[in-house]
Amino acid sequence: MSPTTPASTSKPANRQPKGRRKRSAARLAAVQTLYEIELTGNPVPEVLARFGEKGVAETAENTLPVDIPYFEAVVIGVSARMADLNGMITACLGTGRSLARMETVLVAILRAGALELISREDLDAPILITEYVHIAEAFFDGPEAKIVNAILDKVAKTYREAELAEAAERRRQEALAASGADLLLSGAQTDDIPD
């Protein structure tokens, strides 16, 4: 399976740090591998071994070196927690939608994204969501990227609520500081105002 990234959303490869490119490629390769496992029914260890021989993710334009341990962690994690991930994603779907009616590659993207959101608290949720939106854009021209964004955003809000609240408060404090309003607010809190 070779996704084609639309020219309008692609960025020069040298713009990302090398490690980040390898991790992004690992996510793409994990989605491709999960898709293959779902379609063929081949066992996870067999598919991982075959991929380990290549060590690259393939796109229509080129091959990308992959962070192999990260790739394996995503594939093994999704495979081990499939029922939990399906339940989380299903809970975030709108009425009338089901995983069974979605395209296999879309489900693979959602499972991998949901896994990272719940298991990699060291990574920023909006960045993870954006990574998987870009993967969806590589595979689909339609509304699927928006679906990935909406569902993974709901997963993040449900399972990483405290982190997202802290990030929002941090952004609010930074905006106040940038505007000088923080000084006004801090002065108003300490001044005694007579009745």
N, C-alpha and C. Protein backbone atom coordinates (compact mmCIF):
# COMPACT_ATOMS: atom_id res chain seq x y z
N MET A 1 0.86 -1.16 0.00
CA MET A 1 0.00 0.00 0.00
C MET A 1 0.90 1.22 0.00
N SER A 2 0.72 2.11 -0.89
CA SER A 2 1.55 3.30 -1.01
C SER A 2 0.70 4.55 -1.03
N PRO A 3 0.64 5.27 0.09
CA PRO A 3 -0.14 6.49 0.10
C PRO A 3 0.58 7.59 -0.66
N THR A 4 -0.19 8.49 -1.21
CA THR A 4 0.36 9.65 -1.87
C THR A 4 -0.02 10.88 -1.07
N THR A 5 0.97 11.61 -0.60
CA THR A 5 0.69 12.81 0.18
C THR A 5 0.41 13.95 -0.77
N PRO A 6 -0.71 14.66 -0.58
CA PRO A 6 -1.02 15.79 -1.45
C PRO A 6 0.08 16.85 -1.37
N ALA A 7 0.41 17.44 -2.50
CA ALA A 7 1.49 18.42 -2.55
C ALA A 7 1.23 19.61 -1.64
N SER A 8 -0.02 19.99 -1.47
CA SER A 8 -0.33 21.17 -0.66
C SER A 8 -0.05 20.96 0.82
N THR A 9 -0.01 19.72 1.30
CA THR A 9 0.23 19.48 2.72
C THR A 9 1.62 18.93 2.99
N SER A 10 2.37 18.60 1.96
CA SER A 10 3.69 18.04 2.21
C SER A 10 4.69 19.15 2.51
N LYS A 11 5.68 18.80 3.32
CA LYS A 11 6.73 19.73 3.70
C LYS A 11 8.06 19.12 3.29
N PRO A 12 9.04 19.95 3.04
CA PRO A 12 10.34 19.40 2.71
C PRO A 12 10.85 18.49 3.82
N ALA A 13 11.42 17.36 3.44
CA ALA A 13 11.87 16.38 4.42
C ALA A 13 12.90 16.95 5.38
N ASN A 14 13.69 17.93 4.96
CA ASN A 14 14.74 18.46 5.82
C ASN A 14 14.22 19.43 6.87
N ARG A 15 12.92 19.68 6.93
CA ARG A 15 12.34 20.62 7.89
C ARG A 15 12.12 19.98 9.25
N GLN A 16 12.01 18.66 9.32
CA GLN A 16 11.80 17.97 10.58
C GLN A 16 13.12 17.41 11.08
N PRO A 17 13.32 17.39 12.40
CA PRO A 17 14.51 16.72 12.92
C PRO A 17 14.50 15.25 12.50
N LYS A 18 15.69 14.69 12.32
CA LYS A 18 15.82 13.33 11.81
C LYS A 18 15.05 12.31 12.65
N GLY A 19 15.14 12.37 13.97
CA GLY A 19 14.44 11.43 14.83
C GLY A 19 12.94 11.52 14.68
N ARG A 20 12.43 12.75 14.50
CA ARG A 20 10.99 12.94 14.34
C ARG A 20 10.52 12.34 13.02
N ARG A 21 11.30 12.51 11.96
CA ARG A 21 10.94 11.90 10.68
C ARG A 21 10.86 10.38 10.81
N LYS A 22 11.81 9.80 11.53
CA LYS A 22 11.81 8.35 11.70
C LYS A 22 10.60 7.89 12.50
N ARG A 23 10.18 8.68 13.47
CA ARG A 23 9.01 8.32 14.26
C ARG A 23 7.74 8.50 13.43
N SER A 24 7.67 9.56 12.64
CA SER A 24 6.52 9.75 11.74
C SER A 24 6.44 8.60 10.74
N ALA A 25 7.59 8.20 10.21
CA ALA A 25 7.63 7.06 9.28
C ALA A 25 7.23 5.78 9.99
N ALA A 26 7.58 5.65 11.27
CA ALA A 26 7.19 4.47 12.04
C ALA A 26 5.68 4.40 12.19
N ARG A 27 5.04 5.56 12.39
CA ARG A 27 3.58 5.59 12.49
C ARG A 27 2.94 5.17 11.16
N LEU A 28 3.45 5.71 10.07
CA LEU A 28 2.93 5.34 8.75
C LEU A 28 3.11 3.84 8.51
N ALA A 29 4.30 3.33 8.81
CA ALA A 29 4.57 1.90 8.61
C ALA A 29 3.67 1.05 9.51
N ALA A 30 3.40 1.52 10.73
CA ALA A 30 2.52 0.77 11.63
C ALA A 30 1.12 0.69 11.05
N VAL A 31 0.62 1.80 10.51
CA VAL A 31 -0.72 1.79 9.90
C VAL A 31 -0.74 0.84 8.71
N GLN A 32 0.28 0.89 7.88
CA GLN A 32 0.34 -0.02 6.73
C GLN A 32 0.37 -1.48 7.18
N THR A 33 1.13 -1.75 8.24
CA THR A 33 1.25 -3.11 8.75
C THR A 33 -0.05 -3.58 9.39
N LEU A 34 -0.69 -2.71 10.17
CA LEU A 34 -1.98 -3.07 10.78
C LEU A 34 -3.02 -3.35 9.70
N TYR A 35 -2.98 -2.58 8.64
CA TYR A 35 -3.87 -2.81 7.50
C TYR A 35 -3.62 -4.19 6.90
N GLU A 36 -2.34 -4.51 6.69
CA GLU A 36 -1.99 -5.81 6.12
C GLU A 36 -2.44 -6.95 7.03
N ILE A 37 -2.21 -6.81 8.32
CA ILE A 37 -2.59 -7.86 9.27
C ILE A 37 -4.10 -8.08 9.24
N GLU A 38 -4.84 -6.98 9.21
CA GLU A 38 -6.31 -7.06 9.19
C GLU A 38 -6.80 -7.75 7.91
N LEU A 39 -6.21 -7.41 6.78
CA LEU A 39 -6.67 -7.98 5.50
C LEU A 39 -6.25 -9.42 5.30
N THR A 40 -5.00 -9.73 5.68
CA THR A 40 -4.47 -11.05 5.37
C THR A 40 -4.65 -12.06 6.50
N GLY A 41 -4.77 -11.56 7.72
CA GLY A 41 -4.84 -12.46 8.87
C GLY A 41 -3.49 -13.05 9.23
N ASN A 42 -2.41 -12.56 8.62
CA ASN A 42 -1.08 -13.06 8.95
C ASN A 42 -0.75 -12.72 10.41
N PRO A 43 -0.02 -13.61 11.09
CA PRO A 43 0.32 -13.35 12.49
C PRO A 43 1.25 -12.13 12.63
N VAL A 44 1.08 -11.42 13.72
CA VAL A 44 1.86 -10.20 13.97
C VAL A 44 3.37 -10.47 13.91
N PRO A 45 3.90 -11.50 14.60
CA PRO A 45 5.35 -11.72 14.55
C PRO A 45 5.88 -11.93 13.13
N GLU A 46 5.11 -12.63 12.30
CA GLU A 46 5.54 -12.88 10.91
C GLU A 46 5.63 -11.57 10.13
N VAL A 47 4.62 -10.73 10.28
CA VAL A 47 4.60 -9.46 9.55
C VAL A 47 5.70 -8.54 10.08
N LEU A 48 5.90 -8.51 11.39
CA LEU A 48 6.97 -7.67 11.96
C LEU A 48 8.34 -8.13 11.48
N ALA A 49 8.56 -9.42 11.43
CA ALA A 49 9.84 -9.95 10.96
C ALA A 49 10.09 -9.55 9.51
N ARG A 50 9.06 -9.67 8.69
CA ARG A 50 9.20 -9.32 7.28
C ARG A 50 9.49 -7.82 7.13
N PHE A 51 8.81 -7.01 7.93
CA PHE A 51 9.05 -5.57 7.85
C PHE A 51 10.44 -5.24 8.35
N GLY A 52 10.88 -5.91 9.41
CA GLY A 52 12.21 -5.65 9.97
C GLY A 52 13.32 -5.83 8.96
N GLU A 53 13.10 -6.69 7.98
CA GLU A 53 14.10 -6.88 6.93
C GLU A 53 14.22 -5.64 6.05
N LYS A 54 13.08 -4.94 5.83
CA LYS A 54 13.10 -3.73 4.99
C LYS A 54 13.53 -2.52 5.80
N GLY A 55 12.88 -2.29 6.94
CA GLY A 55 13.22 -1.17 7.82
C GLY A 55 12.83 0.20 7.29
N VAL A 56 11.98 0.25 6.27
CA VAL A 56 11.55 1.54 5.72
C VAL A 56 10.05 1.52 5.47
N ALA A 57 9.46 2.70 5.54
CA ALA A 57 8.07 2.88 5.14
C ALA A 57 8.08 3.35 3.70
N GLU A 58 7.15 2.86 2.91
CA GLU A 58 7.12 3.21 1.50
C GLU A 58 5.95 4.13 1.19
N THR A 59 6.25 5.20 0.49
CA THR A 59 5.22 6.09 -0.02
C THR A 59 5.33 6.06 -1.54
N ALA A 60 4.44 6.76 -2.20
CA ALA A 60 4.49 6.80 -3.66
C ALA A 60 5.76 7.49 -4.14
N GLU A 61 6.26 8.44 -3.34
CA GLU A 61 7.43 9.23 -3.75
C GLU A 61 8.77 8.61 -3.36
N ASN A 62 8.84 7.98 -2.18
CA ASN A 62 10.13 7.51 -1.69
C ASN A 62 9.97 6.49 -0.57
N THR A 63 11.11 6.09 -0.04
CA THR A 63 11.12 5.24 1.15
C THR A 63 11.70 6.05 2.29
N LEU A 64 11.15 5.81 3.49
CA LEU A 64 11.55 6.58 4.67
C LEU A 64 12.09 5.64 5.73
N PRO A 65 13.28 5.94 6.29
CA PRO A 65 13.78 5.10 7.37
C PRO A 65 12.86 5.18 8.59
N VAL A 66 12.70 4.05 9.27
CA VAL A 66 11.72 3.92 10.34
C VAL A 66 12.42 3.68 11.68
N ASP A 67 11.87 4.26 12.73
CA ASP A 67 12.28 3.95 14.10
C ASP A 67 11.64 2.59 14.41
N ILE A 68 12.41 1.53 14.22
CA ILE A 68 11.89 0.16 14.31
C ILE A 68 11.29 -0.15 15.68
N PRO A 69 11.97 0.14 16.80
CA PRO A 69 11.35 -0.17 18.09
C PRO A 69 10.01 0.55 18.30
N TYR A 70 9.91 1.79 17.82
CA TYR A 70 8.66 2.53 17.97
C TYR A 70 7.56 1.90 17.11
N PHE A 71 7.92 1.58 15.88
CA PHE A 71 7.00 0.90 14.96
C PHE A 71 6.47 -0.39 15.59
N GLU A 72 7.38 -1.22 16.10
CA GLU A 72 6.97 -2.49 16.70
C GLU A 72 6.07 -2.26 17.91
N ALA A 73 6.39 -1.25 18.73
CA ALA A 73 5.58 -0.97 19.92
C ALA A 73 4.15 -0.61 19.53
N VAL A 74 3.98 0.17 18.46
CA VAL A 74 2.64 0.55 18.03
C VAL A 74 1.89 -0.68 17.50
N VAL A 75 2.51 -1.46 16.65
CA VAL A 75 1.83 -2.63 16.07
C VAL A 75 1.48 -3.64 17.16
N ILE A 76 2.43 -3.95 18.02
CA ILE A 76 2.18 -4.92 19.09
C ILE A 76 1.14 -4.38 20.07
N GLY A 77 1.23 -3.09 20.40
CA GLY A 77 0.28 -2.48 21.32
C GLY A 77 -1.14 -2.50 20.79
N VAL A 78 -1.31 -2.16 19.52
CA VAL A 78 -2.65 -2.19 18.92
C VAL A 78 -3.17 -3.62 18.90
N SER A 79 -2.33 -4.56 18.52
CA SER A 79 -2.75 -5.96 18.45
C SER A 79 -3.16 -6.49 19.82
N ALA A 80 -2.41 -6.11 20.86
CA ALA A 80 -2.69 -6.60 22.20
C ALA A 80 -3.92 -5.95 22.83
N ARG A 81 -4.22 -4.71 22.44
CA ARG A 81 -5.31 -3.97 23.08
C ARG A 81 -6.47 -3.69 22.12
N MET A 82 -6.60 -4.50 21.10
CA MET A 82 -7.59 -4.28 20.04
C MET A 82 -9.00 -4.07 20.59
N ALA A 83 -9.46 -4.93 21.48
CA ALA A 83 -10.83 -4.82 22.00
C ALA A 83 -11.02 -3.51 22.76
N ASP A 84 -10.04 -3.14 23.59
CA ASP A 84 -10.13 -1.88 24.33
C ASP A 84 -10.16 -0.68 23.38
N LEU A 85 -9.28 -0.70 22.39
CA LEU A 85 -9.21 0.40 21.43
C LEU A 85 -10.51 0.51 20.64
N ASN A 86 -11.03 -0.63 20.20
CA ASN A 86 -12.30 -0.62 19.46
C ASN A 86 -13.41 -0.02 20.32
N GLY A 87 -13.44 -0.38 21.59
CA GLY A 87 -14.45 0.17 22.49
C GLY A 87 -14.32 1.67 22.66
N MET A 88 -13.08 2.15 22.83
CA MET A 88 -12.84 3.59 22.97
C MET A 88 -13.28 4.35 21.73
N ILE A 89 -12.89 3.83 20.59
CA ILE A 89 -13.21 4.50 19.33
C ILE A 89 -14.72 4.48 19.09
N THR A 90 -15.33 3.35 19.33
CA THR A 90 -16.78 3.23 19.14
C THR A 90 -17.52 4.22 20.02
N ALA A 91 -17.05 4.39 21.26
CA ALA A 91 -17.69 5.34 22.18
C ALA A 91 -17.58 6.78 21.67
N CYS A 92 -16.59 7.05 20.85
CA CYS A 92 -16.38 8.41 20.32
C CYS A 92 -17.03 8.64 18.96
N LEU A 93 -17.56 7.59 18.36
CA LEU A 93 -18.22 7.72 17.06
C LEU A 93 -19.58 8.37 17.22
N GLY A 94 -20.00 9.08 16.22
CA GLY A 94 -21.34 9.65 16.21
C GLY A 94 -22.38 8.55 16.02
N THR A 95 -23.61 8.89 16.25
CA THR A 95 -24.68 7.91 16.04
C THR A 95 -24.75 7.53 14.57
N GLY A 96 -25.03 6.28 14.35
CA GLY A 96 -25.13 5.79 12.98
C GLY A 96 -23.79 5.37 12.38
N ARG A 97 -22.71 5.52 13.12
CA ARG A 97 -21.40 5.11 12.62
C ARG A 97 -20.93 3.88 13.39
N SER A 98 -20.20 3.02 12.70
CA SER A 98 -19.61 1.86 13.38
C SER A 98 -18.27 1.54 12.73
N LEU A 99 -17.40 0.94 13.50
CA LEU A 99 -16.09 0.54 12.97
C LEU A 99 -16.25 -0.44 11.82
N ALA A 100 -17.23 -1.31 11.93
CA ALA A 100 -17.42 -2.34 10.89
C ALA A 100 -17.72 -1.73 9.52
N ARG A 101 -18.28 -0.54 9.49
CA ARG A 101 -18.64 0.10 8.22
C ARG A 101 -17.53 1.01 7.69
N MET A 102 -16.45 1.18 8.45
CA MET A 102 -15.36 2.06 8.03
C MET A 102 -14.34 1.27 7.21
N GLU A 103 -13.61 2.00 6.39
CA GLU A 103 -12.55 1.38 5.61
C GLU A 103 -11.46 0.86 6.55
N THR A 104 -10.87 -0.26 6.19
CA THR A 104 -9.88 -0.92 7.03
C THR A 104 -8.71 -0.02 7.36
N VAL A 105 -8.21 0.73 6.40
CA VAL A 105 -7.07 1.59 6.68
C VAL A 105 -7.46 2.73 7.63
N LEU A 106 -8.68 3.23 7.54
CA LEU A 106 -9.14 4.26 8.46
C LEU A 106 -9.20 3.72 9.88
N VAL A 107 -9.68 2.51 10.03
CA VAL A 107 -9.72 1.87 11.35
C VAL A 107 -8.30 1.68 11.89
N ALA A 108 -7.37 1.29 11.04
CA ALA A 108 -5.98 1.12 11.46
C ALA A 108 -5.40 2.45 11.96
N ILE A 109 -5.70 3.52 11.26
CA ILE A 109 -5.23 4.85 11.67
C ILE A 109 -5.80 5.21 13.04
N LEU A 110 -7.11 5.00 13.21
CA LEU A 110 -7.76 5.34 14.48
C LEU A 110 -7.23 4.49 15.63
N ARG A 111 -7.02 3.22 15.40
CA ARG A 111 -6.49 2.35 16.47
C ARG A 111 -5.09 2.77 16.88
N ALA A 112 -4.22 3.01 15.91
CA ALA A 112 -2.85 3.41 16.23
C ALA A 112 -2.84 4.76 16.96
N GLY A 113 -3.63 5.70 16.48
CA GLY A 113 -3.70 7.00 17.13
C GLY A 113 -4.25 6.92 18.54
N ALA A 114 -5.31 6.14 18.73
CA ALA A 114 -5.89 5.98 20.06
C ALA A 114 -4.90 5.31 21.01
N LEU A 115 -4.19 4.31 20.52
CA LEU A 115 -3.19 3.64 21.36
C LEU A 115 -2.16 4.64 21.86
N GLU A 116 -1.63 5.45 20.95
CA GLU A 116 -0.61 6.41 21.38
C GLU A 116 -1.18 7.44 22.35
N LEU A 117 -2.40 7.86 22.12
CA LEU A 117 -3.00 8.85 23.01
C LEU A 117 -3.16 8.31 24.43
N ILE A 118 -3.47 7.04 24.58
CA ILE A 118 -3.67 6.51 25.92
C ILE A 118 -2.40 5.95 26.55
N SER A 119 -1.41 5.62 25.74
CA SER A 119 -0.22 4.98 26.31
C SER A 119 1.04 5.85 26.28
N ARG A 120 1.02 6.94 25.56
CA ARG A 120 2.21 7.79 25.46
C ARG A 120 1.91 9.18 26.00
N GLU A 121 1.71 9.26 27.30
CA GLU A 121 1.40 10.54 27.93
C GLU A 121 2.57 11.52 27.85
N ASP A 122 3.76 11.01 27.52
CA ASP A 122 4.92 11.88 27.36
C ASP A 122 4.88 12.68 26.06
N LEU A 123 3.96 12.31 25.16
CA LEU A 123 3.84 13.01 23.88
C LEU A 123 2.61 13.90 23.90
N ASP A 124 2.72 15.06 23.31
CA ASP A 124 1.65 16.05 23.29
C ASP A 124 0.48 15.55 22.44
N ALA A 125 -0.72 15.55 23.02
CA ALA A 125 -1.90 15.03 22.33
C ALA A 125 -2.17 15.74 20.99
N PRO A 126 -2.16 17.08 20.93
CA PRO A 126 -2.41 17.71 19.62
C PRO A 126 -1.40 17.33 18.55
N ILE A 127 -0.17 17.12 18.94
CA ILE A 127 0.86 16.72 17.96
C ILE A 127 0.57 15.30 17.47
N LEU A 128 0.22 14.40 18.38
CA LEU A 128 -0.13 13.03 17.96
C LEU A 128 -1.32 13.03 17.01
N ILE A 129 -2.34 13.81 17.36
CA ILE A 129 -3.53 13.87 16.50
C ILE A 129 -3.15 14.39 15.12
N THR A 130 -2.34 15.42 15.07
CA THR A 130 -1.90 15.98 13.78
C THR A 130 -1.13 14.95 12.96
N GLU A 131 -0.28 14.17 13.61
CA GLU A 131 0.47 13.12 12.90
C GLU A 131 -0.49 12.15 12.20
N TYR A 132 -1.51 11.73 12.92
CA TYR A 132 -2.45 10.77 12.34
C TYR A 132 -3.39 11.40 11.33
N VAL A 133 -3.68 12.68 11.47
CA VAL A 133 -4.45 13.39 10.44
C VAL A 133 -3.64 13.42 9.15
N HIS A 134 -2.33 13.68 9.25
CA HIS A 134 -1.48 13.69 8.06
C HIS A 134 -1.43 12.31 7.40
N ILE A 135 -1.41 11.27 8.21
CA ILE A 135 -1.43 9.92 7.64
C ILE A 135 -2.75 9.69 6.90
N ALA A 136 -3.85 10.12 7.50
CA ALA A 136 -5.15 9.98 6.82
C ALA A 136 -5.16 10.75 5.51
N GLU A 137 -4.58 11.95 5.50
CA GLU A 137 -4.52 12.74 4.27
C GLU A 137 -3.68 12.04 3.20
N ALA A 138 -2.71 11.24 3.62
CA ALA A 138 -1.89 10.51 2.66
C ALA A 138 -2.68 9.39 1.99
N PHE A 139 -3.68 8.87 2.67
CA PHE A 139 -4.47 7.77 2.12
C PHE A 139 -5.77 8.21 1.46
N PHE A 140 -6.35 9.31 1.93
CA PHE A 140 -7.69 9.69 1.50
C PHE A 140 -7.74 11.14 1.02
N ASP A 141 -8.61 11.39 0.06
CA ASP A 141 -8.85 12.75 -0.42
C ASP A 141 -10.13 13.34 0.16
N GLY A 142 -10.95 12.52 0.77
CA GLY A 142 -12.26 12.96 1.27
C GLY A 142 -12.23 13.42 2.72
N PRO A 143 -13.34 13.21 3.40
CA PRO A 143 -13.51 13.71 4.77
C PRO A 143 -12.83 12.86 5.84
N GLU A 144 -12.13 11.82 5.46
CA GLU A 144 -11.56 10.90 6.45
C GLU A 144 -10.58 11.58 7.40
N ALA A 145 -9.79 12.53 6.90
CA ALA A 145 -8.84 13.22 7.79
C ALA A 145 -9.60 13.99 8.88
N LYS A 146 -10.73 14.58 8.52
CA LYS A 146 -11.55 15.28 9.51
C LYS A 146 -12.15 14.30 10.51
N ILE A 147 -12.51 13.13 10.05
CA ILE A 147 -13.04 12.09 10.94
C ILE A 147 -11.97 11.66 11.92
N VAL A 148 -10.76 11.44 11.43
CA VAL A 148 -9.64 11.07 12.31
C VAL A 148 -9.41 12.16 13.34
N ASN A 149 -9.40 13.41 12.90
CA ASN A 149 -9.20 14.52 13.82
C ASN A 149 -10.28 14.54 14.91
N ALA A 150 -11.53 14.43 14.51
CA ALA A 150 -12.65 14.50 15.46
C ALA A 150 -12.63 13.34 16.45
N ILE A 151 -12.42 12.14 15.96
CA ILE A 151 -12.45 10.97 16.85
C ILE A 151 -11.26 10.96 17.79
N LEU A 152 -10.07 11.23 17.27
CA LEU A 152 -8.89 11.23 18.15
C LEU A 152 -8.95 12.40 19.14
N ASP A 153 -9.55 13.51 18.74
CA ASP A 153 -9.74 14.61 19.67
C ASP A 153 -10.66 14.19 20.81
N LYS A 154 -11.74 13.46 20.50
CA LYS A 154 -12.64 12.95 21.54
C LYS A 154 -11.93 11.95 22.44
N VAL A 155 -11.11 11.09 21.86
CA VAL A 155 -10.33 10.14 22.68
C VAL A 155 -9.43 10.91 23.63
N ALA A 156 -8.74 11.92 23.11
CA ALA A 156 -7.84 12.71 23.95
C ALA A 156 -8.60 13.42 25.06
N LYS A 157 -9.74 14.01 24.72
CA LYS A 157 -10.52 14.72 25.73
C LYS A 157 -11.07 13.77 26.79
N THR A 158 -11.36 12.56 26.40
CA THR A 158 -11.89 11.57 27.33
C THR A 158 -10.80 10.98 28.22
N TYR A 159 -9.66 10.63 27.63
CA TYR A 159 -8.64 9.88 28.35
C TYR A 159 -7.44 10.72 28.78
N ARG A 160 -7.34 11.96 28.30
CA ARG A 160 -6.23 12.83 28.69
C ARG A 160 -6.75 14.20 29.11
N GLU A 161 -7.89 14.22 29.76
CA GLU A 161 -8.57 15.46 30.12
C GLU A 161 -7.69 16.39 30.96
N ALA A 162 -7.01 15.84 31.98
CA ALA A 162 -6.20 16.67 32.86
C ALA A 162 -5.05 17.33 32.09
N GLU A 163 -4.40 16.57 31.22
CA GLU A 163 -3.29 17.11 30.44
C GLU A 163 -3.77 18.24 29.52
N LEU A 164 -4.90 18.03 28.87
CA LEU A 164 -5.42 19.06 27.97
C LEU A 164 -5.85 20.31 28.74
N ALA A 165 -6.39 20.14 29.93
CA ALA A 165 -6.77 21.29 30.76
C ALA A 165 -5.53 22.08 31.18
N GLU A 166 -4.47 21.37 31.55
CA GLU A 166 -3.21 22.04 31.91
C GLU A 166 -2.64 22.80 30.73
N ALA A 167 -2.67 22.20 29.56
CA ALA A 167 -2.15 22.87 28.36
C ALA A 167 -2.97 24.11 28.03
N ALA A 168 -4.29 24.04 28.19
CA ALA A 168 -5.15 25.20 27.93
C ALA A 168 -4.86 26.31 28.93
N GLU A 169 -4.67 25.96 30.18
CA GLU A 169 -4.34 26.97 31.20
C GLU A 169 -2.97 27.61 30.92
N ARG A 170 -2.01 26.80 30.50
CA ARG A 170 -0.68 27.30 30.15
C ARG A 170 -0.78 28.29 28.99
N ARG A 171 -1.57 27.94 27.96
CA ARG A 171 -1.74 28.85 26.81
C ARG A 171 -2.43 30.13 27.25
N ARG A 172 -3.41 30.02 28.16
CA ARG A 172 -4.11 31.20 28.66
C ARG A 172 -3.14 32.11 29.41
N GLN A 173 -2.31 31.53 30.26
CA GLN A 173 -1.33 32.31 31.02
C GLN A 173 -0.32 32.99 30.08
N GLU A 174 0.11 32.28 29.05
CA GLU A 174 1.05 32.85 28.09
C GLU A 174 0.41 34.00 27.33
N ALA A 175 -0.86 33.86 26.96
CA ALA A 175 -1.56 34.93 26.25
C ALA A 175 -1.73 36.14 27.14
N LEU A 176 -2.06 35.92 28.40
CA LEU A 176 -2.18 37.03 29.34
C LEU A 176 -0.83 37.74 29.51
N ALA A 177 0.23 36.97 29.64
CA ALA A 177 1.55 37.56 29.81
C ALA A 177 1.96 38.35 28.57
N ALA A 178 1.67 37.81 27.40
CA ALA A 178 2.04 38.49 26.16
C ALA A 178 1.29 39.80 25.99
N SER A 179 0.07 39.85 26.50
CA SER A 179 -0.73 41.07 26.34
C SER A 179 -0.53 42.06 27.49
N GLY A 180 0.13 41.63 28.54
CA GLY A 180 0.30 42.48 29.70
C GLY A 180 -0.87 42.41 30.66
N ALA A 181 -1.89 41.68 30.32
CA ALA A 181 -3.07 41.57 31.16
C ALA A 181 -2.78 40.84 32.46
N ASP A 182 -1.74 40.02 32.46
CA ASP A 182 -1.41 39.31 33.70
C ASP A 182 -1.03 40.28 34.81
N LEU A 183 -0.36 41.38 34.44
CA LEU A 183 0.02 42.39 35.43
C LEU A 183 -1.22 43.09 35.98
N LEU A 184 -2.16 43.39 35.10
CA LEU A 184 -3.39 44.03 35.55
C LEU A 184 -4.17 43.12 36.49
N LEU A 185 -4.25 41.83 36.11
CA LEU A 185 -4.99 40.88 36.94
C LEU A 185 -4.31 40.65 38.28
N SER A 186 -2.99 40.55 38.28
CA SER A 186 -2.29 40.31 39.54
C SER A 186 -2.40 41.52 40.46
N GLY A 187 -2.42 42.74 39.90
CA GLY A 187 -2.59 43.95 40.71
C GLY A 187 -3.98 44.03 41.28
N ALA A 188 -4.98 43.62 40.53
CA ALA A 188 -6.36 43.67 40.99
C ALA A 188 -6.60 42.67 42.11
N GLN A 189 -5.88 41.58 42.09
CA GLN A 189 -6.07 40.55 43.12
C GLN A 189 -5.44 40.96 44.44
N THR A 190 -4.39 41.77 44.40
CA THR A 190 -3.69 42.11 45.65
C THR A 190 -4.14 43.45 46.22
N ASP A 191 -4.76 44.31 45.42
CA ASP A 191 -5.23 45.59 45.93
C ASP A 191 -6.43 45.40 46.84
N ASP A 192 -6.44 46.16 47.91
CA ASP A 192 -7.62 46.15 48.77
C ASP A 192 -8.62 47.14 48.22
N ILE A 193 -9.79 46.69 47.94
CA ILE A 193 -10.84 47.55 47.41
C ILE A 193 -11.88 47.73 48.53
N PRO A 194 -12.03 48.99 49.02
CA PRO A 194 -12.98 49.19 50.11
C PRO A 194 -14.43 49.02 49.61
N ASP A 195 -15.28 48.64 50.53
CA ASP A 195 -16.70 48.48 50.22
C ASP A 195 -17.37 49.79 49.96
